[in-house]
PDB file of N, CA and C in Angstrom:
ATOM      1  N   UNK A   1       0.735  -1.063   0.265  1.00  0.00           N
ATOM      2  CA  UNK A   1      -0.171   0.093   0.152  1.00  0.00           C
ATOM      3  C   UNK A   1       0.530   0.935  -0.078  1.00  0.00           C
ATOM      4  N   UNK A   2       1.208   1.820  -1.173  1.00  0.00           N
ATOM      5  CA  UNK A   2       2.308   2.822  -1.283  1.00  0.00           C
ATOM      6  C   UNK A   2       1.380   3.779  -1.481  1.00  0.00           C
ATOM      7  N   UNK A   3      -0.010   4.538  -1.609  1.00  0.00           N
ATOM      8  CA  UNK A   3       0.117   5.402  -2.072  1.00  0.00           C
ATOM      9  C   UNK A   3       0.296   6.875  -1.077  1.00  0.00           C
ATOM     10  N   UNK A   4       0.465   7.826  -1.557  1.00  0.00           N
ATOM     11  CA  UNK A   4       0.691   9.050  -1.175  1.00  0.00           C
ATOM     12  C   UNK A   4      -0.344   9.567  -0.235  1.00  0.00           C
ATOM     13  N   UNK A   5      -0.290   9.605   1.003  1.00  0.00           N
ATOM     14  CA  UNK A   5      -1.322  10.363   2.274  1.00  0.00           C
ATOM     15  C   UNK A   5      -0.866  11.080   3.171  1.00  0.00           C
ATOM     16  N   UNK A   6      -2.008  12.420   2.974  1.00  0.00           N
ATOM     17  CA  UNK A   6      -3.417  11.969   2.678  1.00  0.00           C
ATOM     18  C   UNK A   6      -3.766  11.970   1.368  1.00  0.00           C
ATOM     19  N   UNK A   7      -4.904  11.447   1.344  1.00  0.00           N
ATOM     20  CA  UNK A   7      -5.422  11.199  -0.239  1.00  0.00           C
ATOM     21  C   UNK A   7      -6.981  11.976   0.206  1.00  0.00           C
ATOM     22  N   UNK A   8      -6.946  12.949  -0.754  1.00  0.00           N
ATOM     23  CA  UNK A   8      -8.341  13.484  -0.679  1.00  0.00           C
ATOM     24  C   UNK A   8      -9.176  13.035  -1.864  1.00  0.00           C
ATOM     25  N   UNK A   9     -10.480  12.430  -1.924  1.00  0.00           N
ATOM     26  CA  UNK A   9     -11.317  12.293  -2.853  1.00  0.00           C
ATOM     27  C   UNK A   9     -12.537  12.657  -2.978  1.00  0.00           C
ATOM     28  N   UNK A  10     -12.852  13.924  -4.191  1.00  0.00           N
ATOM     29  CA  UNK A  10     -13.885  14.386  -4.426  1.00  0.00           C
ATOM     30  C   UNK A  10     -14.712  13.410  -4.465  1.00  0.00           C
ATOM     31  N   UNK A  11     -16.378  13.477  -3.798  1.00  0.00           N
ATOM     32  CA  UNK A  11     -17.676  12.668  -4.260  1.00  0.00           C
ATOM     33  C   UNK A  11     -18.175  13.644  -4.372  1.00  0.00           C
ATOM     34  N   UNK A  12     -19.760  13.160  -5.214  1.00  0.00           N
ATOM     35  CA  UNK A  12     -20.790  14.033  -5.086  1.00  0.00           C
ATOM     36  C   UNK A  12     -21.582  14.489  -3.868  1.00  0.00           C
ATOM     37  N   UNK A  13     -21.221  13.677  -3.082  1.00  0.00           N
ATOM     38  CA  UNK A  13     -22.134  14.421  -1.582  1.00  0.00           C
ATOM     39  C   UNK A  13     -21.130  14.999  -1.046  1.00  0.00           C
ATOM     40  N   UNK A  14     -19.356  15.251  -0.844  1.00  0.00           N
ATOM     41  CA  UNK A  14     -18.988  15.997  -0.408  1.00  0.00           C
ATOM     42  C   UNK A  14     -17.388  15.455  -0.667  1.00  0.00           C
ATOM     43  N   UNK A  15     -16.041  15.190   0.268  1.00  0.00           N
ATOM     44  CA  UNK A  15     -15.158  14.633   0.044  1.00  0.00           C
ATOM     45  C   UNK A  15     -15.082  13.718   1.102  1.00  0.00           C
ATOM     46  N   UNK A  16     -13.845  12.750   0.686  1.00  0.00           N
ATOM     47  CA  UNK A  16     -13.500  11.789   1.517  1.00  0.00           C
ATOM     48  C   UNK A  16     -11.736  12.215   1.907  1.00  0.00           C
ATOM     49  N   UNK A  17     -11.123  12.185   3.169  1.00  0.00           N
ATOM     50  CA  UNK A  17      -9.808  12.385   3.290  1.00  0.00           C
ATOM     51  C   UNK A  17      -9.168  11.194   4.005  1.00  0.00           C
ATOM     52  N   UNK A  18      -8.705  10.310   3.017  1.00  0.00           N
ATOM     53  CA  UNK A  18      -8.061   9.103   3.543  1.00  0.00           C
ATOM     54  C   UNK A  18      -6.739   9.595   4.091  1.00  0.00           C
ATOM     55  N   UNK A  19      -6.055   9.393   5.546  1.00  0.00           N
ATOM     56  CA  UNK A  19      -5.048   9.358   6.413  1.00  0.00           C
ATOM     57  C   UNK A  19      -4.480   8.704   6.857  1.00  0.00           C
ATOM     58  N   UNK A  20      -4.651   7.355   6.799  1.00  0.00           N
ATOM     59  CA  UNK A  20      -4.177   5.865   7.195  1.00  0.00           C
ATOM     60  C   UNK A  20      -4.867   4.928   5.948  1.00  0.00           C
ATOM     61  N   UNK A  21      -3.816   4.019   5.702  1.00  0.00           N
ATOM     62  CA  UNK A  21      -4.208   2.777   5.245  1.00  0.00           C
ATOM     63  C   UNK A  21      -2.962   1.880   4.913  1.00  0.00           C
ATOM     64  N   UNK A  22      -3.137   1.110   6.488  1.00  0.00           N
ATOM     65  CA  UNK A  22      -1.864   0.172   5.983  1.00  0.00           C
ATOM     66  C   UNK A  22      -2.747  -1.037   6.002  1.00  0.00           C
ATOM     67  N   UNK A  23      -1.772  -2.649   6.090  1.00  0.00           N
ATOM     68  CA  UNK A  23      -2.450  -3.786   5.897  1.00  0.00           C
ATOM     69  C   UNK A  23      -3.479  -4.420   7.050  1.00  0.00           C
ATOM     70  N   UNK A  24      -3.673  -3.401   8.021  1.00  0.00           N
ATOM     71  CA  UNK A  24      -4.482  -3.746   9.397  1.00  0.00           C
ATOM     72  C   UNK A  24      -5.774  -2.887   9.534  1.00  0.00           C
ATOM     73  N   UNK A  25      -5.059  -1.687   9.017  1.00  0.00           N
ATOM     74  CA  UNK A  25      -6.581  -0.657   9.289  1.00  0.00           C
ATOM     75  C   UNK A  25      -6.513   0.473   8.234  1.00  0.00           C
ATOM     76  N   UNK A  26      -7.743   1.007   8.287  1.00  0.00           N
ATOM     77  CA  UNK A  26      -7.607   2.537   7.544  1.00  0.00           C
ATOM     78  C   UNK A  26      -8.465   3.740   8.501  1.00  0.00           C
ATOM     79  N   UNK A  27      -7.759   4.882   7.809  1.00  0.00           N
ATOM     80  CA  UNK A  27      -8.629   5.881   8.476  1.00  0.00           C
ATOM     81  C   UNK A  27      -9.114   6.912   7.667  1.00  0.00           C
ATOM     82  N   UNK A  28     -10.115   7.332   8.063  1.00  0.00           N
ATOM     83  CA  UNK A  28     -10.360   8.404   7.091  1.00  0.00           C
ATOM     84  C   UNK A  28     -11.317   9.960   7.556  1.00  0.00           C
ATOM     85  N   UNK A  29     -11.424  10.770   6.945  1.00  0.00           N
ATOM     86  CA  UNK A  29     -12.071  11.775   7.468  1.00  0.00           C
ATOM     87  C   UNK A  29     -13.057  11.954   6.208  1.00  0.00           C
ATOM     88  N   UNK A  30     -14.400  12.122   6.494  1.00  0.00           N
ATOM     89  CA  UNK A  30     -15.671  12.525   5.470  1.00  0.00           C
ATOM     90  C   UNK A  30     -16.262  13.439   5.821  1.00  0.00           C
ATOM     91  N   UNK A  31     -16.530  14.332   4.991  1.00  0.00           N
ATOM     92  CA  UNK A  31     -17.290  15.263   5.200  1.00  0.00           C
ATOM     93  C   UNK A  31     -18.476  15.193   3.957  1.00  0.00           C
ATOM     94  N   UNK A  32     -19.730  15.374   4.699  1.00  0.00           N
ATOM     95  CA  UNK A  32     -20.980  15.036   3.619  1.00  0.00           C
ATOM     96  C   UNK A  32     -21.850  16.440   3.753  1.00  0.00           C
ATOM     97  N   UNK A  33     -21.943  17.236   2.553  1.00  0.00           N
ATOM     98  CA  UNK A  33     -22.696  18.361   2.182  1.00  0.00           C
ATOM     99  C   UNK A  33     -24.261  18.171   2.900  1.00  0.00           C
ATOM    100  N   UNK A  34     -24.610  19.114   4.068  1.00  0.00           N
ATOM    101  CA  UNK A  34     -26.223  19.377   3.834  1.00  0.00           C
ATOM    102  C   UNK A  34     -27.481  18.884   2.557  1.00  0.00           C
ATOM    103  N   UNK A  35     -27.854  17.978   2.629  1.00  0.00           N
ATOM    104  CA  UNK A  35     -29.151  17.738   1.864  1.00  0.00           C
ATOM    105  C   UNK A  35     -28.636  16.373   0.919  1.00  0.00           C
ATOM    106  N   UNK A  36     -27.335  16.041   1.327  1.00  0.00           N
ATOM    107  CA  UNK A  36     -27.017  14.901   0.144  1.00  0.00           C
ATOM    108  C   UNK A  36     -26.691  13.766   0.896  1.00  0.00           C
ATOM    109  N   UNK A  37     -26.795  12.667   0.876  1.00  0.00           N
ATOM    110  CA  UNK A  37     -26.374  10.959   1.125  1.00  0.00           C
ATOM    111  C   UNK A  37     -25.678  10.013   0.260  1.00  0.00           C
ATOM    112  N   UNK A  38     -25.068   9.059   1.215  1.00  0.00           N
ATOM    113  CA  UNK A  38     -24.628   8.238   0.459  1.00  0.00           C
ATOM    114  C   UNK A  38     -24.941   7.259  -0.589  1.00  0.00           C
ATOM    115  N   UNK A  39     -24.934   6.507  -0.755  1.00  0.00           N
ATOM    116  CA  UNK A  39     -25.513   5.424  -1.799  1.00  0.00           C
ATOM    117  C   UNK A  39     -26.076   4.516  -0.583  1.00  0.00           C
ATOM    118  N   UNK A  40     -27.136   3.682  -0.856  1.00  0.00           N
ATOM    119  CA  UNK A  40     -27.514   2.613  -0.216  1.00  0.00           C
ATOM    120  C   UNK A  40     -26.244   1.464  -0.662  1.00  0.00           C
ATOM    121  N   UNK A  41     -25.920   0.711   0.383  1.00  0.00           N
ATOM    122  CA  UNK A  41     -24.631   0.031  -0.037  1.00  0.00           C
ATOM    123  C   UNK A  41     -24.067  -0.700   1.384  1.00  0.00           C
ATOM    124  N   UNK A  42     -23.530  -1.684   0.654  1.00  0.00           N
ATOM    125  CA  UNK A  42     -23.057  -2.939   1.788  1.00  0.00           C
ATOM    126  C   UNK A  42     -21.448  -3.331   1.350  1.00  0.00           C
ATOM    127  N   UNK A  43     -20.682  -3.677   2.408  1.00  0.00           N
ATOM    128  CA  UNK A  43     -19.419  -4.119   1.939  1.00  0.00           C
ATOM    129  C   UNK A  43     -19.401  -5.850   2.385  1.00  0.00           C
ATOM    130  N   UNK A  44     -18.311  -6.569   1.217  1.00  0.00           N
ATOM    131  CA  UNK A  44     -18.523  -7.714   1.499  1.00  0.00           C
ATOM    132  C   UNK A  44     -17.659  -8.341   2.866  1.00  0.00           C
ATOM    133  N   UNK A  45     -16.686  -7.600   3.184  1.00  0.00           N
ATOM    134  CA  UNK A  45     -16.010  -8.059   3.961  1.00  0.00           C
ATOM    135  C   UNK A  45     -15.331  -6.732   5.341  1.00  0.00           C
ATOM    136  N   UNK A  46     -15.421  -5.568   4.530  1.00  0.00           N
ATOM    137  CA  UNK A  46     -14.893  -4.416   5.663  1.00  0.00           C
ATOM    138  C   UNK A  46     -15.989  -4.320   6.944  1.00  0.00           C
ATOM    139  N   UNK A  47     -15.399  -3.792   7.642  1.00  0.00           N
ATOM    140  CA  UNK A  47     -15.626  -3.838   8.580  1.00  0.00           C
ATOM    141  C   UNK A  47     -15.352  -2.630   9.585  1.00  0.00           C
ATOM    142  N   UNK A  48     -16.339  -1.459   9.756  1.00  0.00           N
ATOM    143  CA  UNK A  48     -16.049  -0.232   9.447  1.00  0.00           C
ATOM    144  C   UNK A  48     -16.702   0.365  11.181  1.00  0.00           C
ATOM    145  N   UNK A  49     -16.175   1.427  11.673  1.00  0.00           N
ATOM    146  CA  UNK A  49     -16.797   2.435  12.564  1.00  0.00           C
ATOM    147  C   UNK A  49     -16.888   3.335  12.338  1.00  0.00           C
ATOM    148  N   UNK A  50     -18.265   4.181  12.325  1.00  0.00           N
ATOM    149  CA  UNK A  50     -18.205   5.706  11.992  1.00  0.00           C
ATOM    150  C   UNK A  50     -18.300   6.324  13.273  1.00  0.00           C
ATOM    151  N   UNK A  51     -18.055   7.516  13.285  1.00  0.00           N
ATOM    152  CA  UNK A  51     -17.648   8.304  14.604  1.00  0.00           C
ATOM    153  C   UNK A  51     -18.357   9.878  13.869  1.00  0.00           C
ATOM    154  N   UNK A  52     -19.750  10.029  14.381  1.00  0.00           N
ATOM    155  CA  UNK A  52     -20.029  11.302  14.402  1.00  0.00           C
ATOM    156  C   UNK A  52     -19.260  13.025  14.799  1.00  0.00           C
ATOM    157  N   UNK A  53     -18.218  13.355  14.337  1.00  0.00           N
ATOM    158  CA  UNK A  53     -17.495  14.429  14.851  1.00  0.00           C
ATOM    159  C   UNK A  53     -18.049  16.070  14.872  1.00  0.00           C
ATOM    160  N   UNK A  54     -18.928  16.291  13.928  1.00  0.00           N
ATOM    161  CA  UNK A  54     -19.894  17.347  13.812  1.00  0.00           C
ATOM    162  C   UNK A  54     -20.793  17.475  12.947  1.00  0.00           C
ATOM    163  N   UNK A  55     -22.107  17.921  13.106  1.00  0.00           N
ATOM    164  CA  UNK A  55     -23.090  17.901  12.308  1.00  0.00           C
ATOM    165  C   UNK A  55     -24.365  17.255  12.836  1.00  0.00           C
ATOM    166  N   UNK A  56     -25.047  16.706  11.679  1.00  0.00           N
ATOM    167  CA  UNK A  56     -26.324  16.056  12.021  1.00  0.00           C
ATOM    168  C   UNK A  56     -26.769  15.191  10.726  1.00  0.00           C
ATOM    169  N   UNK A  57     -27.105  14.327  11.149  1.00  0.00           N
ATOM    170  CA  UNK A  57     -27.104  12.868  10.177  1.00  0.00           C
ATOM    171  C   UNK A  57     -28.222  12.121  10.456  1.00  0.00           C
ATOM    172  N   UNK A  58     -29.065  11.228   9.466  1.00  0.00           N
ATOM    173  CA  UNK A  58     -29.697  10.015   9.640  1.00  0.00           C
ATOM    174  C   UNK A  58     -28.787   8.868   9.184  1.00  0.00           C
ATOM    175  N   UNK A  59     -28.890   7.849  10.042  1.00  0.00           N
ATOM    176  CA  UNK A  59     -28.286   6.763   9.676  1.00  0.00           C
ATOM    177  C   UNK A  59     -29.299   5.621   9.412  1.00  0.00           C
ATOM    178  N   UNK A  60     -29.062   5.282   8.142  1.00  0.00           N
ATOM    179  CA  UNK A  60     -30.072   3.772   7.928  1.00  0.00           C
ATOM    180  C   UNK A  60     -29.412   2.746   7.432  1.00  0.00           C
ATOM    181  N   UNK A  61     -29.640   1.505   8.202  1.00  0.00           N
ATOM    182  CA  UNK A  61     -29.038   0.359   8.348  1.00  0.00           C
ATOM    183  C   UNK A  61     -30.213  -0.896   8.352  1.00  0.00           C
ATOM    184  N   UNK A  62     -29.517  -1.806   7.580  1.00  0.00           N
ATOM    185  CA  UNK A  62     -30.532  -3.199   7.606  1.00  0.00           C
ATOM    186  C   UNK A  62     -29.475  -4.197   7.702  1.00  0.00           C
ATOM    187  N   UNK A  63     -29.568  -5.040   9.027  1.00  0.00           N
ATOM    188  CA  UNK A  63     -28.774  -6.186   8.737  1.00  0.00           C
ATOM    189  C   UNK A  63     -29.030  -7.352   7.928  1.00  0.00           C
ATOM    190  N   UNK A  64     -27.863  -8.802   8.004  1.00  0.00           N
ATOM    191  CA  UNK A  64     -28.364  -9.640   6.947  1.00  0.00           C
ATOM    192  C   UNK A  64     -29.859 -10.272   7.445  1.00  0.00           C
ATOM    193  N   UNK A  65     -30.114 -10.247   8.354  1.00  0.00           N
ATOM    194  CA  UNK A  65     -31.818 -10.627   8.890  1.00  0.00           C
ATOM    195  C   UNK A  65     -32.397  -9.648   8.055  1.00  0.00           C
ATOM    196  N   UNK A  66     -32.382  -8.576   7.793  1.00  0.00           N
ATOM    197  CA  UNK A  66     -33.569  -7.633   7.105  1.00  0.00           C
ATOM    198  C   UNK A  66     -34.072  -6.897   8.479  1.00  0.00           C
ATOM    199  N   UNK A  67     -33.542  -7.038   9.413  1.00  0.00           N
ATOM    200  CA  UNK A  67     -33.936  -6.019  10.610  1.00  0.00           C
ATOM    201  C   UNK A  67     -33.465  -4.385  10.155  1.00  0.00           C
ATOM    202  N   UNK A  68     -34.358  -3.413   9.916  1.00  0.00           N
ATOM    203  CA  UNK A  68     -34.275  -2.034   9.650  1.00  0.00           C
ATOM    204  C   UNK A  68     -34.123  -1.232  10.794  1.00  0.00           C
ATOM    205  N   UNK A  69     -33.252  -0.233  10.603  1.00  0.00           N
ATOM    206  CA  UNK A  69     -32.887   0.935  11.606  1.00  0.00           C
ATOM    207  C   UNK A  69     -32.934   1.965  11.132  1.00  0.00           C
ATOM    208  N   UNK A  70     -33.405   3.226  11.714  1.00  0.00           N
ATOM    209  CA  UNK A  70     -32.999   4.412  11.550  1.00  0.00           C
ATOM    210  C   UNK A  70     -32.576   5.296  12.382  1.00  0.00           C
ATOM    211  N   UNK A  71     -31.466   5.806  12.741  1.00  0.00           N
ATOM    212  CA  UNK A  71     -31.378   6.222  13.780  1.00  0.00           C
ATOM    213  C   UNK A  71     -30.315   7.617  13.925  1.00  0.00           C
ATOM    214  N   UNK A  72     -30.874   8.853  14.151  1.00  0.00           N
ATOM    215  CA  UNK A  72     -30.245  10.216  14.344  1.00  0.00           C
ATOM    216  C   UNK A  72     -29.290  10.266  15.038  1.00  0.00           C
ATOM    217  N   UNK A  73     -28.216  11.207  14.525  1.00  0.00           N
ATOM    218  CA  UNK A  73     -26.895  11.143  14.785  1.00  0.00           C
ATOM    219  C   UNK A  73     -26.071  12.383  14.792  1.00  0.00           C
ATOM    220  N   UNK A  74     -25.692  12.724  15.810  1.00  0.00           N
ATOM    221  CA  UNK A  74     -25.650  14.281  15.948  1.00  0.00           C
ATOM    222  C   UNK A  74     -24.095  13.984  16.865  1.00  0.00           C
ATOM    223  N   UNK A  75     -23.405  15.014  16.736  1.00  0.00           N
ATOM    224  CA  UNK A  75     -22.083  14.818  17.355  1.00  0.00           C
ATOM    225  C   UNK A  75     -21.783  14.436  18.292  1.00  0.00           C
ATOM    226  N   UNK A  76     -20.790  13.439  18.294  1.00  0.00           N
ATOM    227  CA  UNK A  76     -20.527  12.090  19.366  1.00  0.00           C
ATOM    228  C   UNK A  76     -21.175  10.659  19.543  1.00  0.00           C
ATOM    229  N   UNK A  77     -21.840  10.481  18.272  1.00  0.00           N
ATOM    230  CA  UNK A  77     -22.701   9.152  18.065  1.00  0.00           C
ATOM    231  C   UNK A  77     -22.076   8.391  17.145  1.00  0.00           C
ATOM    232  N   UNK A  78     -21.740   7.051  17.237  1.00  0.00           N
ATOM    233  CA  UNK A  78     -20.708   6.298  17.065  1.00  0.00           C
ATOM    234  C   UNK A  78     -21.522   4.551  16.276  1.00  0.00           C
ATOM    235  N   UNK A  79     -21.197   4.400  15.430  1.00  0.00           N
ATOM    236  CA  UNK A  79     -22.133   3.408  14.411  1.00  0.00           C
ATOM    237  C   UNK A  79     -20.765   2.284  14.329  1.00  0.00           C
ATOM    238  N   UNK A  80     -21.012   0.771  14.770  1.00  0.00           N
ATOM    239  CA  UNK A  80     -20.171   0.114  14.388  1.00  0.00           C
ATOM    240  C   UNK A  80     -20.903  -0.760  12.745  1.00  0.00           C
ATOM    241  N   UNK A  81     -20.298  -0.686  11.679  1.00  0.00           N
ATOM    242  CA  UNK A  81     -21.024  -1.356  10.388  1.00  0.00           C
ATOM    243  C   UNK A  81     -20.715  -2.680  10.123  1.00  0.00           C
ATOM    244  N   UNK A  82     -20.959  -3.730  10.448  1.00  0.00           N
ATOM    245  CA  UNK A  82     -20.324  -5.220   9.843  1.00  0.00           C
ATOM    246  C   UNK A  82     -20.426  -5.288   8.449  1.00  0.00           C
ATOM    247  N   UNK A  83     -19.920  -6.395   7.856  1.00  0.00           N
ATOM    248  CA  UNK A  83     -20.053  -6.618   6.643  1.00  0.00           C
ATOM    249  C   UNK A  83     -21.167  -7.090   6.216  1.00  0.00           C
ATOM    250  N   UNK A  84     -21.756  -6.911   5.366  1.00  0.00           N
ATOM    251  CA  UNK A  84     -23.120  -7.294   4.666  1.00  0.00           C
ATOM    252  C   UNK A  84     -24.344  -6.390   5.583  1.00  0.00           C
ATOM    253  N   UNK A  85     -23.890  -5.399   6.012  1.00  0.00           N
ATOM    254  CA  UNK A  85     -24.962  -4.289   6.660  1.00  0.00           C
ATOM    255  C   UNK A  85     -25.280  -3.704   5.270  1.00  0.00           C
ATOM    256  N   UNK A  86     -26.360  -3.569   5.065  1.00  0.00           N
ATOM    257  CA  UNK A  86     -26.913  -2.634   4.222  1.00  0.00           C
ATOM    258  C   UNK A  86     -26.488  -0.917   4.826  1.00  0.00           C
ATOM    259  N   UNK A  87     -26.342   0.041   4.283  1.00  0.00           N
ATOM    260  CA  UNK A  87     -26.352   1.123   5.295  1.00  0.00           C
ATOM    261  C   UNK A  87     -26.199   2.553   4.193  1.00  0.00           C
ATOM    262  N   UNK A  88     -26.986   3.284   4.784  1.00  0.00           N
ATOM    263  CA  UNK A  88     -26.801   4.627   3.914  1.00  0.00           C
ATOM    264  C   UNK A  88     -26.908   5.936   4.961  1.00  0.00           C
ATOM    265  N   UNK A  89     -26.252   7.349   4.733  1.00  0.00           N
ATOM    266  CA  UNK A  89     -26.292   8.206   5.905  1.00  0.00           C
ATOM    267  C   UNK A  89     -26.715   9.192   4.934  1.00  0.00           C
ATOM    268  N   UNK A  90     -27.589  10.101   5.355  1.00  0.00           N
ATOM    269  CA  UNK A  90     -28.109  11.367   4.759  1.00  0.00           C
ATOM    270  C   UNK A  90     -27.888  12.457   5.906  1.00  0.00           C
ATOM    271  N   UNK A  91     -27.302  13.426   5.395  1.00  0.00           N
ATOM    272  CA  UNK A  91     -26.894  14.712   6.100  1.00  0.00           C
ATOM    273  C   UNK A  91     -27.891  15.243   6.111  1.00  0.00           C
ATOM    274  N   UNK A  92     -28.715  15.961   7.403  1.00  0.00           N
ATOM    275  CA  UNK A  92     -29.494  17.414   7.615  1.00  0.00           C
ATOM    276  C   UNK A  92     -28.565  18.615   7.333  1.00  0.00           C
ATOM    277  N   UNK A  93     -27.169  18.666   7.975  1.00  0.00           N
ATOM    278  CA  UNK A  93     -26.671  19.929   7.980  1.00  0.00           C
ATOM    279  C   UNK A  93     -25.188  18.950   7.889  1.00  0.00           C
ATOM    280  N   UNK A  94     -24.227  20.399   7.196  1.00  0.00           N
ATOM    281  CA  UNK A  94     -22.794  19.291   7.088  1.00  0.00           C
ATOM    282  C   UNK A  94     -22.692  18.678   7.971  1.00  0.00           C
ATOM    283  N   UNK A  95     -22.025  17.554   7.785  1.00  0.00           N
ATOM    284  CA  UNK A  95     -21.490  16.697   8.696  1.00  0.00           C
ATOM    285  C   UNK A  95     -19.949  16.314   8.439  1.00  0.00           C
ATOM    286  N   UNK A  96     -19.389  16.099   9.558  1.00  0.00           N
ATOM    287  CA  UNK A  96     -18.263  15.578   9.617  1.00  0.00           C
ATOM    288  C   UNK A  96     -17.882  14.196  10.468  1.00  0.00           C
ATOM    289  N   UNK A  97     -17.377  13.027   9.872  1.00  0.00           N
ATOM    290  CA  UNK A  97     -17.484  11.662  10.291  1.00  0.00           C
ATOM    291  C   UNK A  97     -16.373  11.446  10.563  1.00  0.00           C
ATOM    292  N   UNK A  98     -15.530  10.671  11.390  1.00  0.00           N
ATOM    293  CA  UNK A  98     -14.324   9.879  11.198  1.00  0.00           C
ATOM    294  C   UNK A  98     -14.802   8.505  11.014  1.00  0.00           C
ATOM    295  N   UNK A  99     -13.904   7.857  10.528  1.00  0.00           N
ATOM    296  CA  UNK A  99     -13.776   6.407  10.178  1.00  0.00           C
ATOM    297  C   UNK A  99     -12.814   5.358   9.812  1.00  0.00           C
ATOM    298  N   UNK A 100     -13.042   4.541  10.965  1.00  0.00           N
ATOM    299  CA  UNK A 100     -11.403   3.646  10.811  1.00  0.00           C
ATOM    300  C   UNK A 100     -12.278   2.141  10.497  1.00  0.00           C
ATOM    301  N   UNK A 101     -11.659   1.478   9.725  1.00  0.00           N
ATOM    302  CA  UNK A 101     -12.318   0.347   9.021  1.00  0.00           C
ATOM    303  C   UNK A 101     -11.287  -0.709   9.015  1.00  0.00           C
ATOM    304  N   UNK A 102     -11.276  -2.047   8.334  1.00  0.00           N
ATOM    305  CA  UNK A 102     -10.408  -2.873   7.753  1.00  0.00           C
ATOM    306  C   UNK A 102      -9.804  -2.038   6.520  1.00  0.00           C
ATOM    307  N   UNK A 103      -8.414  -2.804   6.264  1.00  0.00           N
ATOM    308  CA  UNK A 103      -7.772  -2.012   5.154  1.00  0.00           C
ATOM    309  C   UNK A 103      -8.971  -2.030   3.982  1.00  0.00           C
ATOM    310  N   UNK A 104      -9.992  -3.170   3.744  1.00  0.00           N
ATOM    311  CA  UNK A 104     -10.471  -3.012   2.110  1.00  0.00           C
ATOM    312  C   UNK A 104     -10.976  -2.102   1.765  1.00  0.00           C
ATOM    313  N   UNK A 105     -10.519  -0.787   1.552  1.00  0.00           N
ATOM    314  CA  UNK A 105     -11.721   0.119   1.191  1.00  0.00           C
ATOM    315  C   UNK A 105     -12.591   0.128  -0.014  1.00  0.00           C
ATOM    316  N   UNK A 106     -12.115  -0.476  -0.901  1.00  0.00           N
ATOM    317  CA  UNK A 106     -12.738  -0.349  -2.281  1.00  0.00           C
ATOM    318  C   UNK A 106     -13.697  -1.722  -2.100  1.00  0.00           C
ATOM    319  N   UNK A 107     -13.811  -2.149  -1.320  1.00  0.00           N
ATOM    320  CA  UNK A 107     -15.267  -3.343  -1.139  1.00  0.00           C
ATOM    321  C   UNK A 107     -16.493  -2.662  -0.773  1.00  0.00           C
ATOM    322  N   UNK A 108     -17.108  -1.573  -2.195  1.00  0.00           N
ATOM    323  CA  UNK A 108     -18.728  -1.456  -2.067  1.00  0.00           C
ATOM    324  C   UNK A 108     -19.263  -1.711  -2.817  1.00  0.00           C
ATOM    325  N   UNK A 109     -20.342  -2.283  -2.316  1.00  0.00           N
ATOM    326  CA  UNK A 109     -21.509  -3.181  -3.173  1.00  0.00           C
ATOM    327  C   UNK A 109     -22.641  -1.586  -2.847  1.00  0.00           C
ATOM    328  N   UNK A 110     -22.993  -0.989  -4.474  1.00  0.00           N
ATOM    329  CA  UNK A 110     -23.910  -0.167  -4.033  1.00  0.00           C
ATOM    330  C   UNK A 110     -25.402  -0.917  -4.542  1.00  0.00           C
ATOM    331  N   UNK A 111     -26.145  -0.187  -3.999  1.00  0.00           N
ATOM    332  CA  UNK A 111     -27.588  -0.997  -4.689  1.00  0.00           C
ATOM    333  C   UNK A 111     -28.551   0.028  -5.297  1.00  0.00           C
ATOM    334  N   UNK A 112     -28.263   1.443  -4.615  1.00  0.00           N
ATOM    335  CA  UNK A 112     -28.464   2.562  -5.586  1.00  0.00           C
ATOM    336  C   UNK A 112     -28.642   4.103  -4.975  1.00  0.00           C
ATOM    337  N   UNK A 113     -28.203   4.762  -5.797  1.00  0.00           N
ATOM    338  CA  UNK A 113     -27.451   5.651  -5.760  1.00  0.00           C
ATOM    339  C   UNK A 113     -28.023   6.827  -6.354  1.00  0.00           C
ATOM    340  N   UNK A 114     -28.233   8.164  -5.672  1.00  0.00           N
ATOM    341  CA  UNK A 114     -28.656   9.220  -6.090  1.00  0.00           C
ATOM    342  C   UNK A 114     -27.981   9.981  -7.463  1.00  0.00           C
ATOM    343  N   UNK A 115     -26.845   9.614  -7.563  1.00  0.00           N
ATOM    344  CA  UNK A 115     -25.662   9.968  -8.696  1.00  0.00           C
ATOM    345  C   UNK A 115     -25.200   9.532  -9.982  1.00  0.00           C
ATOM    346  N   UNK A 116     -26.063   8.206 -10.164  1.00  0.00           N
ATOM    347  CA  UNK A 116     -25.865   7.304 -11.017  1.00  0.00           C
ATOM    348  C   UNK A 116     -24.773   6.346 -10.962  1.00  0.00           C
ATOM    349  N   UNK A 117     -23.864   6.076  -9.719  1.00  0.00           N
ATOM    350  CA  UNK A 117     -23.190   5.448  -9.862  1.00  0.00           C
ATOM    351  C   UNK A 117     -23.064   3.935  -9.274  1.00  0.00           C
ATOM    352  N   UNK A 118     -24.449   3.237  -9.344  1.00  0.00           N
ATOM    353  CA  UNK A 118     -25.011   1.713  -9.360  1.00  0.00           C
ATOM    354  C   UNK A 118     -24.133   1.080 -10.672  1.00  0.00           C
TER     355      UNK A 118
END
């Protein structure tokens, strides 16, 4: 993993700043603009924890058993997203999230997307 860090990637909903990527973990700061949301997606193997540092958002999740939850997230809210969990975050106001995960960061299966990336 010889990429130059930090690495900023523009997204249609904001941007992601990858600041750590090793064989054991990855760390990123994610900025989601007010009124935008992630695609509805899941990861085959990626295990991630999201910490809402600043902002206000809604997290939608559906586990492998089909149990659906929708949680309001504000500063200090933390989510662990296990592999195979369908999820999407929608920003009510500009939101900054810290993400720590296993290193397979390209492990995204999009189901629906507001920006045509399915």
